[in-house]
Amino acid sequence: MIPGRCELRNNVSLCALRSALCCLFTILILLSSFFAGPILTRGAERSLTDGIHRYQKLVTLYPHKAAYWNALGYYYLRAGNLQEAETHFLTAIEIDYSYPTPHNNLGVVYLKQDRPEQAEKEFLQAVKLNPQYSKAQYNLAVALFHQKRYADAARAYFKARDIDREYVDRRDNNEHTRKKLQAALEQAAEDEESSKELKRMQKWLAPNY
């Protein structure tokens, strides 16, 4: 009888644990509707159309939530609709200027629109709000590169690398920013600042040769 009672007690405990886990899972699902915006901006399994429809509804229900406007802009950006993306990122910034993500995302829109000066301003604001924002710091280097400010771009690039070397290496594998910067600095080596940054880059690259 004792083993039976112990088994029953274990079953009761197990049931209670399962019930608690179910409740927790339900709560997490409910909370996800409030926090999904910034989570989905880092990559989502939803289709672009589903994402746009979902966040159109959410910004209607919660028009003062900057994260939802940012997420809606993100999906439009992914869909290639730069005008809509810009509008929604600007709305997110208007609601919460201290939110760094829409500044970075708006900068990406400006880069795609060949407006690197405006992009630079948004990336600078993003890293001012979050100095550890490696993505925005790297994007700043790209914006400066497109302005042919190669020494400044190299400095921004190294700062991004100091923040998160792993992230920078991943992007370099696809975008080859480091090689492009080095080539540009070599061409502009007669400029003192460019020459200095080129030497710094070569010194850093030396172990990889």
N, C-alpha and C. Protein backbone atom coordinates (compact mmCIF):
# COMPACT_ATOMS: atom_id res chain seq x y z
N MET A 1 0.83 -1.21 0.00
CA MET A 1 0.00 0.00 0.00
C MET A 1 0.86 1.25 0.00
N ILE A 2 1.97 1.19 0.73
CA ILE A 2 2.83 2.38 0.77
C ILE A 2 3.36 2.73 -0.62
N PRO A 3 3.89 1.71 -1.37
CA PRO A 3 4.34 2.05 -2.72
C PRO A 3 3.21 2.61 -3.56
N GLY A 4 1.98 2.01 -3.39
CA GLY A 4 0.86 2.54 -4.15
C GLY A 4 0.57 3.99 -3.80
N ARG A 5 0.62 4.32 -2.54
CA ARG A 5 0.35 5.68 -2.12
C ARG A 5 1.42 6.62 -2.63
N CYS A 6 2.64 6.14 -2.57
CA CYS A 6 3.74 6.96 -3.11
C CYS A 6 3.55 7.19 -4.60
N GLU A 7 3.12 6.16 -5.34
CA GLU A 7 2.91 6.27 -6.78
C GLU A 7 1.79 7.28 -7.04
N LEU A 8 0.71 7.19 -6.24
CA LEU A 8 -0.38 8.12 -6.40
C LEU A 8 0.10 9.54 -6.13
N ARG A 9 0.91 9.71 -5.11
CA ARG A 9 1.43 11.02 -4.76
C ARG A 9 2.31 11.55 -5.89
N ASN A 10 3.12 10.62 -6.45
CA ASN A 10 3.97 11.02 -7.57
C ASN A 10 3.13 11.44 -8.77
N ASN A 11 2.02 10.66 -9.00
CA ASN A 11 1.15 11.00 -10.13
C ASN A 11 0.49 12.36 -9.93
N VAL A 12 0.05 12.59 -8.66
CA VAL A 12 -0.57 13.88 -8.35
C VAL A 12 0.42 15.01 -8.58
N SER A 13 1.66 14.77 -8.12
CA SER A 13 2.71 15.80 -8.31
C SER A 13 2.97 16.03 -9.79
N LEU A 14 3.00 14.92 -10.54
CA LEU A 14 3.25 15.03 -11.98
C LEU A 14 2.13 15.78 -12.67
N CYS A 15 0.89 15.50 -12.28
CA CYS A 15 -0.26 16.20 -12.85
C CYS A 15 -0.20 17.68 -12.53
N ALA A 16 0.15 17.95 -11.28
CA ALA A 16 0.24 19.35 -10.87
C ALA A 16 1.31 20.07 -11.68
N LEU A 17 2.44 19.37 -11.90
CA LEU A 17 3.53 19.95 -12.69
C LEU A 17 3.08 20.21 -14.11
N ARG A 18 2.37 19.22 -14.68
CA ARG A 18 1.88 19.39 -16.06
C ARG A 18 0.91 20.55 -16.16
N SER A 19 0.03 20.67 -15.17
CA SER A 19 -0.94 21.77 -15.17
C SER A 19 -0.23 23.11 -15.09
N ALA A 20 0.80 23.15 -14.24
CA ALA A 20 1.56 24.40 -14.10
C ALA A 20 2.26 24.77 -15.39
N LEU A 21 2.83 23.75 -16.07
CA LEU A 21 3.51 24.00 -17.34
C LEU A 21 2.54 24.46 -18.40
N CYS A 22 1.34 23.87 -18.43
CA CYS A 22 0.32 24.28 -19.39
C CYS A 22 -0.08 25.73 -19.17
N CYS A 23 -0.25 26.10 -17.89
CA CYS A 23 -0.60 27.48 -17.56
C CYS A 23 0.50 28.44 -17.99
N LEU A 24 1.76 28.03 -17.73
CA LEU A 24 2.89 28.86 -18.11
C LEU A 24 2.95 29.04 -19.61
N PHE A 25 2.72 27.96 -20.34
CA PHE A 25 2.74 28.01 -21.81
C PHE A 25 1.66 28.95 -22.33
N THR A 26 0.47 28.88 -21.71
CA THR A 26 -0.64 29.76 -22.12
C THR A 26 -0.28 31.22 -21.88
N ILE A 27 0.33 31.48 -20.72
CA ILE A 27 0.74 32.85 -20.40
C ILE A 27 1.76 33.35 -21.39
N LEU A 28 2.73 32.48 -21.76
CA LEU A 28 3.76 32.87 -22.72
C LEU A 28 3.16 33.20 -24.07
N ILE A 29 2.16 32.43 -24.48
CA ILE A 29 1.49 32.70 -25.76
C ILE A 29 0.82 34.07 -25.72
N LEU A 30 0.15 34.37 -24.59
CA LEU A 30 -0.51 35.66 -24.47
C LEU A 30 0.50 36.80 -24.47
N LEU A 31 1.59 36.59 -23.74
CA LEU A 31 2.62 37.63 -23.68
C LEU A 31 3.28 37.86 -25.02
N SER A 32 3.34 36.81 -25.84
CA SER A 32 4.03 36.93 -27.13
C SER A 32 3.37 37.98 -28.01
N SER A 33 2.06 38.19 -27.84
CA SER A 33 1.38 39.20 -28.65
C SER A 33 1.85 40.60 -28.30
N PHE A 34 2.38 40.76 -27.06
CA PHE A 34 2.87 42.06 -26.66
C PHE A 34 4.34 42.25 -27.01
N PHE A 35 5.12 41.18 -27.01
CA PHE A 35 6.55 41.30 -27.21
C PHE A 35 7.02 40.78 -28.56
N ALA A 36 6.10 40.34 -29.39
CA ALA A 36 6.50 39.73 -30.66
C ALA A 36 7.20 40.70 -31.57
N GLY A 37 6.87 42.01 -31.46
CA GLY A 37 7.46 42.98 -32.37
C GLY A 37 8.97 42.91 -32.42
N PRO A 38 9.68 43.20 -31.30
CA PRO A 38 11.12 43.16 -31.34
C PRO A 38 11.68 41.77 -31.56
N ILE A 39 10.95 40.72 -31.15
CA ILE A 39 11.45 39.37 -31.39
C ILE A 39 11.44 39.06 -32.88
N LEU A 40 10.34 39.40 -33.54
CA LEU A 40 10.21 39.08 -34.95
C LEU A 40 11.15 39.90 -35.81
N THR A 41 11.60 41.05 -35.33
CA THR A 41 12.52 41.83 -36.12
C THR A 41 13.87 41.15 -36.23
N ARG A 42 14.13 40.18 -35.40
CA ARG A 42 15.39 39.45 -35.48
C ARG A 42 15.26 38.18 -36.31
N GLY A 43 14.16 38.02 -36.98
CA GLY A 43 13.99 36.85 -37.85
C GLY A 43 12.73 36.11 -37.50
N ALA A 44 11.88 35.87 -38.48
CA ALA A 44 10.61 35.23 -38.19
C ALA A 44 10.32 34.16 -39.20
N GLU A 45 9.60 33.14 -38.73
CA GLU A 45 9.24 32.05 -39.62
C GLU A 45 7.96 32.38 -40.39
N ARG A 46 7.28 33.43 -39.97
CA ARG A 46 6.05 33.80 -40.67
C ARG A 46 6.38 34.31 -42.07
N SER A 47 5.44 34.14 -42.98
CA SER A 47 5.62 34.71 -44.32
C SER A 47 5.51 36.21 -44.23
N LEU A 48 6.02 36.91 -45.23
CA LEU A 48 5.98 38.36 -45.22
C LEU A 48 4.54 38.86 -45.21
N THR A 49 3.69 38.23 -46.00
CA THR A 49 2.28 38.65 -46.05
C THR A 49 1.61 38.47 -44.70
N ASP A 50 1.85 37.33 -44.06
CA ASP A 50 1.27 37.09 -42.74
C ASP A 50 1.77 38.11 -41.73
N GLY A 51 3.06 38.41 -41.81
CA GLY A 51 3.64 39.38 -40.90
C GLY A 51 3.03 40.75 -41.07
N ILE A 52 2.87 41.17 -42.32
CA ILE A 52 2.27 42.48 -42.59
C ILE A 52 0.84 42.53 -42.06
N HIS A 53 0.05 41.49 -42.35
CA HIS A 53 -1.34 41.46 -41.89
C HIS A 53 -1.42 41.45 -40.37
N ARG A 54 -0.56 40.67 -39.75
CA ARG A 54 -0.58 40.57 -38.29
C ARG A 54 -0.31 41.93 -37.64
N TYR A 55 0.73 42.63 -38.13
CA TYR A 55 1.10 43.88 -37.49
C TYR A 55 0.24 45.05 -37.93
N GLN A 56 -0.41 44.94 -39.06
CA GLN A 56 -1.43 45.94 -39.40
C GLN A 56 -2.56 45.91 -38.38
N LYS A 57 -2.95 44.71 -37.98
CA LYS A 57 -3.99 44.57 -36.97
C LYS A 57 -3.50 45.08 -35.61
N LEU A 58 -2.26 44.75 -35.28
CA LEU A 58 -1.74 45.13 -33.97
C LEU A 58 -1.55 46.64 -33.84
N VAL A 59 -1.10 47.31 -34.91
CA VAL A 59 -0.93 48.77 -34.81
C VAL A 59 -2.30 49.46 -34.76
N THR A 60 -3.32 48.80 -35.28
CA THR A 60 -4.68 49.34 -35.16
C THR A 60 -5.17 49.22 -33.72
N LEU A 61 -4.87 48.07 -33.10
CA LEU A 61 -5.29 47.83 -31.73
C LEU A 61 -4.43 48.61 -30.73
N TYR A 62 -3.14 48.71 -31.01
CA TYR A 62 -2.20 49.37 -30.10
C TYR A 62 -1.40 50.42 -30.86
N PRO A 63 -2.04 51.54 -31.22
CA PRO A 63 -1.37 52.53 -32.08
C PRO A 63 -0.21 53.26 -31.41
N HIS A 64 -0.07 53.13 -30.10
CA HIS A 64 1.00 53.84 -29.41
C HIS A 64 2.15 52.91 -29.03
N LYS A 65 2.18 51.73 -29.61
CA LYS A 65 3.26 50.78 -29.30
C LYS A 65 4.30 50.81 -30.42
N ALA A 66 5.44 51.40 -30.14
CA ALA A 66 6.46 51.60 -31.17
C ALA A 66 6.97 50.28 -31.75
N ALA A 67 7.05 49.25 -30.91
CA ALA A 67 7.59 47.97 -31.37
C ALA A 67 6.75 47.38 -32.50
N TYR A 68 5.44 47.59 -32.46
CA TYR A 68 4.56 47.05 -33.50
C TYR A 68 4.74 47.81 -34.82
N TRP A 69 4.89 49.13 -34.73
CA TRP A 69 5.14 49.91 -35.94
C TRP A 69 6.49 49.53 -36.55
N ASN A 70 7.48 49.32 -35.69
CA ASN A 70 8.79 48.89 -36.17
C ASN A 70 8.71 47.54 -36.86
N ALA A 71 7.97 46.60 -36.25
CA ALA A 71 7.84 45.27 -36.84
C ALA A 71 7.10 45.32 -38.18
N LEU A 72 6.07 46.18 -38.27
CA LEU A 72 5.36 46.33 -39.53
C LEU A 72 6.29 46.89 -40.61
N GLY A 73 7.09 47.88 -40.22
CA GLY A 73 8.06 48.43 -41.15
C GLY A 73 9.08 47.39 -41.59
N TYR A 74 9.47 46.55 -40.64
CA TYR A 74 10.44 45.49 -40.94
C TYR A 74 9.91 44.56 -42.04
N TYR A 75 8.64 44.16 -41.92
CA TYR A 75 8.08 43.25 -42.92
C TYR A 75 7.94 43.93 -44.28
N TYR A 76 7.58 45.21 -44.28
CA TYR A 76 7.53 45.93 -45.56
C TYR A 76 8.93 46.06 -46.16
N LEU A 77 9.92 46.27 -45.31
CA LEU A 77 11.30 46.33 -45.79
C LEU A 77 11.72 45.02 -46.42
N ARG A 78 11.40 43.92 -45.73
CA ARG A 78 11.71 42.60 -46.27
C ARG A 78 10.98 42.35 -47.59
N ALA A 79 9.79 42.92 -47.72
CA ALA A 79 9.00 42.73 -48.94
C ALA A 79 9.44 43.66 -50.07
N GLY A 80 10.36 44.59 -49.76
CA GLY A 80 10.87 45.49 -50.78
C GLY A 80 10.07 46.77 -50.95
N ASN A 81 9.10 47.01 -50.08
CA ASN A 81 8.29 48.22 -50.14
C ASN A 81 8.94 49.28 -49.24
N LEU A 82 9.89 50.01 -49.80
CA LEU A 82 10.69 50.93 -49.00
C LEU A 82 9.89 52.12 -48.51
N GLN A 83 8.95 52.58 -49.31
CA GLN A 83 8.16 53.73 -48.92
C GLN A 83 7.31 53.43 -47.69
N GLU A 84 6.63 52.29 -47.70
CA GLU A 84 5.83 51.90 -46.53
C GLU A 84 6.73 51.64 -45.33
N ALA A 85 7.85 51.00 -45.55
CA ALA A 85 8.79 50.72 -44.46
C ALA A 85 9.25 52.02 -43.81
N GLU A 86 9.64 52.98 -44.64
CA GLU A 86 10.09 54.27 -44.11
C GLU A 86 9.01 54.93 -43.27
N THR A 87 7.78 54.93 -43.77
CA THR A 87 6.65 55.55 -43.05
C THR A 87 6.47 54.93 -41.67
N HIS A 88 6.54 53.62 -41.59
CA HIS A 88 6.27 52.94 -40.31
C HIS A 88 7.44 53.07 -39.35
N PHE A 89 8.67 53.07 -39.86
CA PHE A 89 9.81 53.30 -38.97
C PHE A 89 9.77 54.72 -38.40
N LEU A 90 9.38 55.68 -39.23
CA LEU A 90 9.26 57.06 -38.75
C LEU A 90 8.17 57.17 -37.68
N THR A 91 7.09 56.42 -37.85
CA THR A 91 6.03 56.41 -36.83
C THR A 91 6.54 55.84 -35.52
N ALA A 92 7.29 54.73 -35.61
CA ALA A 92 7.87 54.12 -34.40
C ALA A 92 8.79 55.10 -33.69
N ILE A 93 9.59 55.82 -34.46
CA ILE A 93 10.52 56.80 -33.87
C ILE A 93 9.76 57.96 -33.24
N GLU A 94 8.70 58.38 -33.88
CA GLU A 94 7.88 59.48 -33.34
C GLU A 94 7.25 59.07 -32.01
N ILE A 95 6.84 57.82 -31.91
CA ILE A 95 6.24 57.34 -30.67
C ILE A 95 7.29 57.21 -29.57
N ASP A 96 8.44 56.67 -29.93
CA ASP A 96 9.50 56.45 -28.93
C ASP A 96 10.86 56.71 -29.56
N TYR A 97 11.32 57.94 -29.42
CA TYR A 97 12.59 58.33 -30.05
C TYR A 97 13.78 57.59 -29.43
N SER A 98 13.61 57.11 -28.21
CA SER A 98 14.70 56.43 -27.52
C SER A 98 14.84 54.95 -27.89
N TYR A 99 14.00 54.49 -28.80
CA TYR A 99 14.00 53.09 -29.24
C TYR A 99 14.99 52.95 -30.40
N PRO A 100 16.13 52.30 -30.21
CA PRO A 100 17.18 52.32 -31.23
C PRO A 100 16.89 51.52 -32.50
N THR A 101 16.10 50.45 -32.40
CA THR A 101 15.91 49.56 -33.54
C THR A 101 15.32 50.24 -34.77
N PRO A 102 14.24 51.04 -34.65
CA PRO A 102 13.72 51.69 -35.85
C PRO A 102 14.68 52.69 -36.47
N HIS A 103 15.55 53.29 -35.66
CA HIS A 103 16.58 54.17 -36.22
C HIS A 103 17.50 53.37 -37.15
N ASN A 104 17.93 52.21 -36.67
CA ASN A 104 18.78 51.36 -37.50
C ASN A 104 18.04 50.91 -38.76
N ASN A 105 16.80 50.49 -38.59
CA ASN A 105 16.04 50.00 -39.74
C ASN A 105 15.75 51.10 -40.75
N LEU A 106 15.49 52.31 -40.26
CA LEU A 106 15.27 53.44 -41.16
C LEU A 106 16.57 53.75 -41.92
N GLY A 107 17.69 53.62 -41.24
CA GLY A 107 18.98 53.80 -41.91
C GLY A 107 19.17 52.81 -43.05
N VAL A 108 18.72 51.57 -42.84
CA VAL A 108 18.81 50.56 -43.90
C VAL A 108 17.96 50.97 -45.10
N VAL A 109 16.77 51.50 -44.83
CA VAL A 109 15.91 51.99 -45.92
C VAL A 109 16.64 53.07 -46.71
N TYR A 110 17.25 54.02 -45.99
CA TYR A 110 17.95 55.11 -46.66
C TYR A 110 19.13 54.60 -47.48
N LEU A 111 19.82 53.60 -46.98
CA LEU A 111 20.92 53.01 -47.76
C LEU A 111 20.39 52.42 -49.06
N LYS A 112 19.29 51.71 -48.98
CA LYS A 112 18.70 51.09 -50.16
C LYS A 112 18.17 52.15 -51.14
N GLN A 113 17.85 53.33 -50.62
CA GLN A 113 17.38 54.43 -51.46
C GLN A 113 18.55 55.30 -51.95
N ASP A 114 19.78 54.86 -51.67
CA ASP A 114 20.98 55.59 -52.06
C ASP A 114 21.02 56.97 -51.41
N ARG A 115 20.74 56.98 -50.11
CA ARG A 115 20.77 58.22 -49.31
C ARG A 115 21.69 57.98 -48.11
N PRO A 116 22.99 57.76 -48.35
CA PRO A 116 23.90 57.37 -47.27
C PRO A 116 24.08 58.42 -46.18
N GLU A 117 23.91 59.71 -46.53
CA GLU A 117 24.05 60.75 -45.50
C GLU A 117 22.94 60.65 -44.47
N GLN A 118 21.70 60.47 -44.95
CA GLN A 118 20.58 60.30 -44.02
C GLN A 118 20.72 58.99 -43.25
N ALA A 119 21.21 57.96 -43.92
CA ALA A 119 21.42 56.67 -43.25
C ALA A 119 22.42 56.82 -42.11
N GLU A 120 23.48 57.55 -42.37
CA GLU A 120 24.51 57.78 -41.34
C GLU A 120 23.89 58.39 -40.08
N LYS A 121 23.03 59.38 -40.26
CA LYS A 121 22.40 60.03 -39.10
C LYS A 121 21.59 59.05 -38.27
N GLU A 122 20.87 58.17 -38.95
CA GLU A 122 20.04 57.20 -38.21
C GLU A 122 20.90 56.16 -37.49
N PHE A 123 21.96 55.70 -38.15
CA PHE A 123 22.84 54.72 -37.51
C PHE A 123 23.56 55.34 -36.31
N LEU A 124 23.97 56.61 -36.47
CA LEU A 124 24.61 57.30 -35.35
C LEU A 124 23.67 57.42 -34.16
N GLN A 125 22.40 57.72 -34.44
CA GLN A 125 21.43 57.82 -33.36
C GLN A 125 21.20 56.48 -32.69
N ALA A 126 21.17 55.42 -33.50
CA ALA A 126 20.97 54.07 -32.94
C ALA A 126 22.10 53.69 -32.00
N VAL A 127 23.35 53.96 -32.39
CA VAL A 127 24.48 53.59 -31.53
C VAL A 127 24.63 54.56 -30.36
N LYS A 128 24.11 55.77 -30.52
CA LYS A 128 24.10 56.69 -29.38
C LYS A 128 23.14 56.18 -28.31
N LEU A 129 21.99 55.68 -28.76
CA LEU A 129 21.01 55.13 -27.82
C LEU A 129 21.46 53.80 -27.23
N ASN A 130 22.19 53.02 -28.03
CA ASN A 130 22.68 51.72 -27.57
C ASN A 130 24.11 51.53 -28.08
N PRO A 131 25.11 51.93 -27.29
CA PRO A 131 26.50 51.85 -27.74
C PRO A 131 26.98 50.43 -28.07
N GLN A 132 26.25 49.40 -27.63
CA GLN A 132 26.63 48.02 -27.92
C GLN A 132 25.86 47.44 -29.10
N TYR A 133 25.24 48.28 -29.88
CA TYR A 133 24.42 47.86 -31.02
C TYR A 133 25.35 47.59 -32.21
N SER A 134 25.89 46.41 -32.27
CA SER A 134 26.90 46.07 -33.28
C SER A 134 26.37 46.17 -34.70
N LYS A 135 25.12 45.78 -34.90
CA LYS A 135 24.53 45.84 -36.25
C LYS A 135 24.49 47.27 -36.76
N ALA A 136 24.03 48.20 -35.91
CA ALA A 136 23.96 49.60 -36.32
C ALA A 136 25.36 50.18 -36.53
N GLN A 137 26.31 49.76 -35.70
CA GLN A 137 27.70 50.24 -35.85
C GLN A 137 28.30 49.76 -37.16
N TYR A 138 28.03 48.53 -37.51
CA TYR A 138 28.51 47.98 -38.78
C TYR A 138 27.83 48.71 -39.94
N ASN A 139 26.52 48.93 -39.81
CA ASN A 139 25.79 49.64 -40.86
C ASN A 139 26.32 51.06 -41.03
N LEU A 140 26.74 51.67 -39.93
CA LEU A 140 27.35 53.00 -40.00
C LEU A 140 28.61 52.96 -40.87
N ALA A 141 29.41 51.93 -40.70
CA ALA A 141 30.61 51.77 -41.53
C ALA A 141 30.23 51.68 -43.01
N VAL A 142 29.16 50.97 -43.32
CA VAL A 142 28.71 50.83 -44.70
C VAL A 142 28.24 52.17 -45.25
N ALA A 143 27.50 52.93 -44.44
CA ALA A 143 27.01 54.25 -44.88
C ALA A 143 28.18 55.20 -45.16
N LEU A 144 29.18 55.16 -44.31
CA LEU A 144 30.36 56.00 -44.51
C LEU A 144 31.15 55.56 -45.74
N PHE A 145 31.21 54.27 -45.95
CA PHE A 145 31.88 53.74 -47.13
C PHE A 145 31.23 54.27 -48.41
N HIS A 146 29.88 54.28 -48.41
CA HIS A 146 29.16 54.75 -49.60
C HIS A 146 29.32 56.25 -49.82
N GLN A 147 29.77 56.96 -48.78
CA GLN A 147 30.08 58.38 -48.93
C GLN A 147 31.55 58.59 -49.30
N LYS A 148 32.27 57.49 -49.48
CA LYS A 148 33.70 57.50 -49.82
C LYS A 148 34.54 58.11 -48.69
N ARG A 149 34.02 58.02 -47.48
CA ARG A 149 34.76 58.46 -46.29
C ARG A 149 35.41 57.22 -45.69
N TYR A 150 36.42 56.74 -46.37
CA TYR A 150 36.96 55.41 -46.09
C TYR A 150 37.65 55.32 -44.73
N ALA A 151 38.36 56.38 -44.33
CA ALA A 151 39.01 56.34 -43.02
C ALA A 151 37.97 56.28 -41.90
N ASP A 152 36.92 57.09 -42.04
CA ASP A 152 35.83 57.07 -41.04
C ASP A 152 35.13 55.71 -41.05
N ALA A 153 34.95 55.16 -42.25
CA ALA A 153 34.30 53.85 -42.36
C ALA A 153 35.14 52.78 -41.67
N ALA A 154 36.45 52.84 -41.83
CA ALA A 154 37.33 51.86 -41.20
C ALA A 154 37.24 51.95 -39.69
N ARG A 155 37.20 53.18 -39.16
CA ARG A 155 37.08 53.36 -37.71
C ARG A 155 35.76 52.79 -37.20
N ALA A 156 34.68 53.05 -37.93
CA ALA A 156 33.37 52.52 -37.53
C ALA A 156 33.37 50.99 -37.60
N TYR A 157 34.03 50.47 -38.62
CA TYR A 157 34.12 49.02 -38.79
C TYR A 157 34.85 48.38 -37.61
N PHE A 158 35.98 48.96 -37.22
CA PHE A 158 36.74 48.39 -36.11
C PHE A 158 35.97 48.50 -34.80
N LYS A 159 35.20 49.57 -34.66
CA LYS A 159 34.41 49.70 -33.44
C LYS A 159 33.35 48.61 -33.38
N ALA A 160 32.72 48.33 -34.53
CA ALA A 160 31.74 47.23 -34.58
C ALA A 160 32.40 45.92 -34.21
N ARG A 161 33.61 45.74 -34.70
CA ARG A 161 34.35 44.50 -34.42
C ARG A 161 34.70 44.38 -32.94
N ASP A 162 35.02 45.52 -32.32
CA ASP A 162 35.31 45.52 -30.88
C ASP A 162 34.07 45.14 -30.08
N ILE A 163 32.91 45.55 -30.56
CA ILE A 163 31.66 45.25 -29.85
C ILE A 163 31.30 43.78 -29.98
N ASP A 164 31.37 43.26 -31.22
CA ASP A 164 30.95 41.88 -31.46
C ASP A 164 31.70 41.32 -32.67
N ARG A 165 32.85 40.75 -32.40
CA ARG A 165 33.70 40.24 -33.47
C ARG A 165 33.00 39.12 -34.25
N GLU A 166 32.26 38.28 -33.55
CA GLU A 166 31.59 37.16 -34.19
C GLU A 166 30.58 37.64 -35.23
N TYR A 167 29.80 38.65 -34.85
CA TYR A 167 28.80 39.21 -35.75
C TYR A 167 29.46 39.82 -36.99
N VAL A 168 30.52 40.59 -36.76
CA VAL A 168 31.23 41.23 -37.88
C VAL A 168 31.81 40.18 -38.82
N ASP A 169 32.38 39.13 -38.28
CA ASP A 169 32.95 38.07 -39.12
C ASP A 169 31.87 37.40 -39.96
N ARG A 170 30.69 37.19 -39.36
CA ARG A 170 29.59 36.57 -40.11
C ARG A 170 29.17 37.44 -41.29
N ARG A 171 29.03 38.71 -41.03
CA ARG A 171 28.62 39.61 -42.12
C ARG A 171 29.71 39.75 -43.17
N ASP A 172 30.94 39.74 -42.72
CA ASP A 172 32.06 39.84 -43.67
C ASP A 172 32.08 38.67 -44.64
N ASN A 173 31.68 37.52 -44.16
CA ASN A 173 31.65 36.34 -45.04
C ASN A 173 30.71 36.53 -46.22
N ASN A 174 29.65 37.32 -46.02
CA ASN A 174 28.68 37.56 -47.08
C ASN A 174 28.92 38.86 -47.84
N GLU A 175 29.35 39.89 -47.12
CA GLU A 175 29.42 41.23 -47.71
C GLU A 175 30.84 41.67 -48.07
N HIS A 176 31.83 41.02 -47.50
CA HIS A 176 33.24 41.31 -47.81
C HIS A 176 33.59 42.78 -47.57
N THR A 177 33.01 43.37 -46.53
CA THR A 177 33.25 44.77 -46.23
C THR A 177 34.72 45.04 -45.93
N ARG A 178 35.34 44.13 -45.22
CA ARG A 178 36.75 44.32 -44.86
C ARG A 178 37.62 44.44 -46.10
N LYS A 179 37.41 43.56 -47.08
CA LYS A 179 38.20 43.60 -48.31
C LYS A 179 37.93 44.87 -49.10
N LYS A 180 36.65 45.27 -49.14
CA LYS A 180 36.30 46.49 -49.88
C LYS A 180 36.94 47.70 -49.23
N LEU A 181 36.92 47.74 -47.89
CA LEU A 181 37.55 48.85 -47.17
C LEU A 181 39.05 48.88 -47.42
N GLN A 182 39.68 47.74 -47.36
CA GLN A 182 41.11 47.69 -47.57
C GLN A 182 41.48 48.17 -48.97
N ALA A 183 40.73 47.72 -49.97
CA ALA A 183 41.00 48.13 -51.34
C ALA A 183 40.81 49.63 -51.51
N ALA A 184 39.75 50.16 -50.90
CA ALA A 184 39.48 51.59 -51.01
C ALA A 184 40.57 52.40 -50.32
N LEU A 185 41.01 51.93 -49.16
CA LEU A 185 42.07 52.64 -48.44
C LEU A 185 43.39 52.61 -49.20
N GLU A 186 43.64 51.51 -49.88
CA GLU A 186 44.86 51.42 -50.67
C GLU A 186 44.85 52.45 -51.80
N GLN A 187 43.68 52.64 -52.41
CA GLN A 187 43.56 53.61 -53.48
C GLN A 187 43.68 55.04 -52.98
N ALA A 188 43.29 55.25 -51.71
CA ALA A 188 43.33 56.60 -51.14
C ALA A 188 44.48 56.75 -50.15
N ALA A 189 45.51 55.95 -50.31
CA ALA A 189 46.58 55.90 -49.31
C ALA A 189 47.38 57.20 -49.23
N GLU A 190 47.26 58.06 -50.26
CA GLU A 190 48.01 59.32 -50.21
C GLU A 190 47.42 60.26 -49.15
N ASP A 191 46.15 60.02 -48.79
CA ASP A 191 45.53 60.79 -47.72
C ASP A 191 46.05 60.27 -46.38
N GLU A 192 46.46 61.19 -45.50
CA GLU A 192 47.11 60.79 -44.24
C GLU A 192 46.20 59.91 -43.38
N GLU A 193 44.92 60.32 -43.25
CA GLU A 193 43.99 59.54 -42.44
C GLU A 193 43.75 58.16 -43.04
N SER A 194 43.59 58.12 -44.35
CA SER A 194 43.37 56.83 -45.02
C SER A 194 44.59 55.94 -44.86
N SER A 195 45.76 56.54 -44.99
CA SER A 195 46.99 55.77 -44.85
C SER A 195 47.11 55.17 -43.46
N LYS A 196 46.74 55.97 -42.45
CA LYS A 196 46.82 55.49 -41.07
C LYS A 196 45.86 54.33 -40.83
N GLU A 197 44.64 54.48 -41.33
CA GLU A 197 43.66 53.41 -41.15
C GLU A 197 44.04 52.17 -41.95
N LEU A 198 44.64 52.38 -43.12
CA LEU A 198 45.08 51.23 -43.92
C LEU A 198 46.15 50.45 -43.16
N LYS A 199 47.10 51.15 -42.57
CA LYS A 199 48.16 50.48 -41.81
C LYS A 199 47.57 49.72 -40.62
N ARG A 200 46.58 50.33 -40.00
CA ARG A 200 45.93 49.67 -38.87
C ARG A 200 45.23 48.39 -39.34
N MET A 201 44.56 48.49 -40.47
CA MET A 201 43.86 47.34 -41.02
C MET A 201 44.84 46.24 -41.43
N GLN A 202 45.93 46.63 -42.05
CA GLN A 202 46.93 45.65 -42.49
C GLN A 202 47.55 44.96 -41.28
N LYS A 203 47.78 45.72 -40.22
CA LYS A 203 48.34 45.14 -39.00
C LYS A 203 47.38 44.12 -38.41
N TRP A 204 46.09 44.45 -38.44
CA TRP A 204 45.09 43.53 -37.91
C TRP A 204 44.96 42.30 -38.80
N LEU A 205 45.06 42.51 -40.13
CA LEU A 205 44.91 41.41 -41.06
C LEU A 205 46.14 40.51 -41.12
N ALA A 206 47.28 41.02 -40.69
CA ALA A 206 48.55 40.30 -40.86
C ALA A 206 48.51 38.83 -40.42
N PRO A 207 47.91 38.50 -39.26
CA PRO A 207 47.90 37.09 -38.85
C PRO A 207 47.10 36.20 -39.80
N ASN A 208 46.23 36.80 -40.63
CA ASN A 208 45.40 36.01 -41.53
C ASN A 208 46.07 35.75 -42.87
N TYR A 209 47.22 36.38 -43.13
CA TYR A 209 47.90 36.20 -44.41
C TYR A 209 48.65 34.87 -44.44
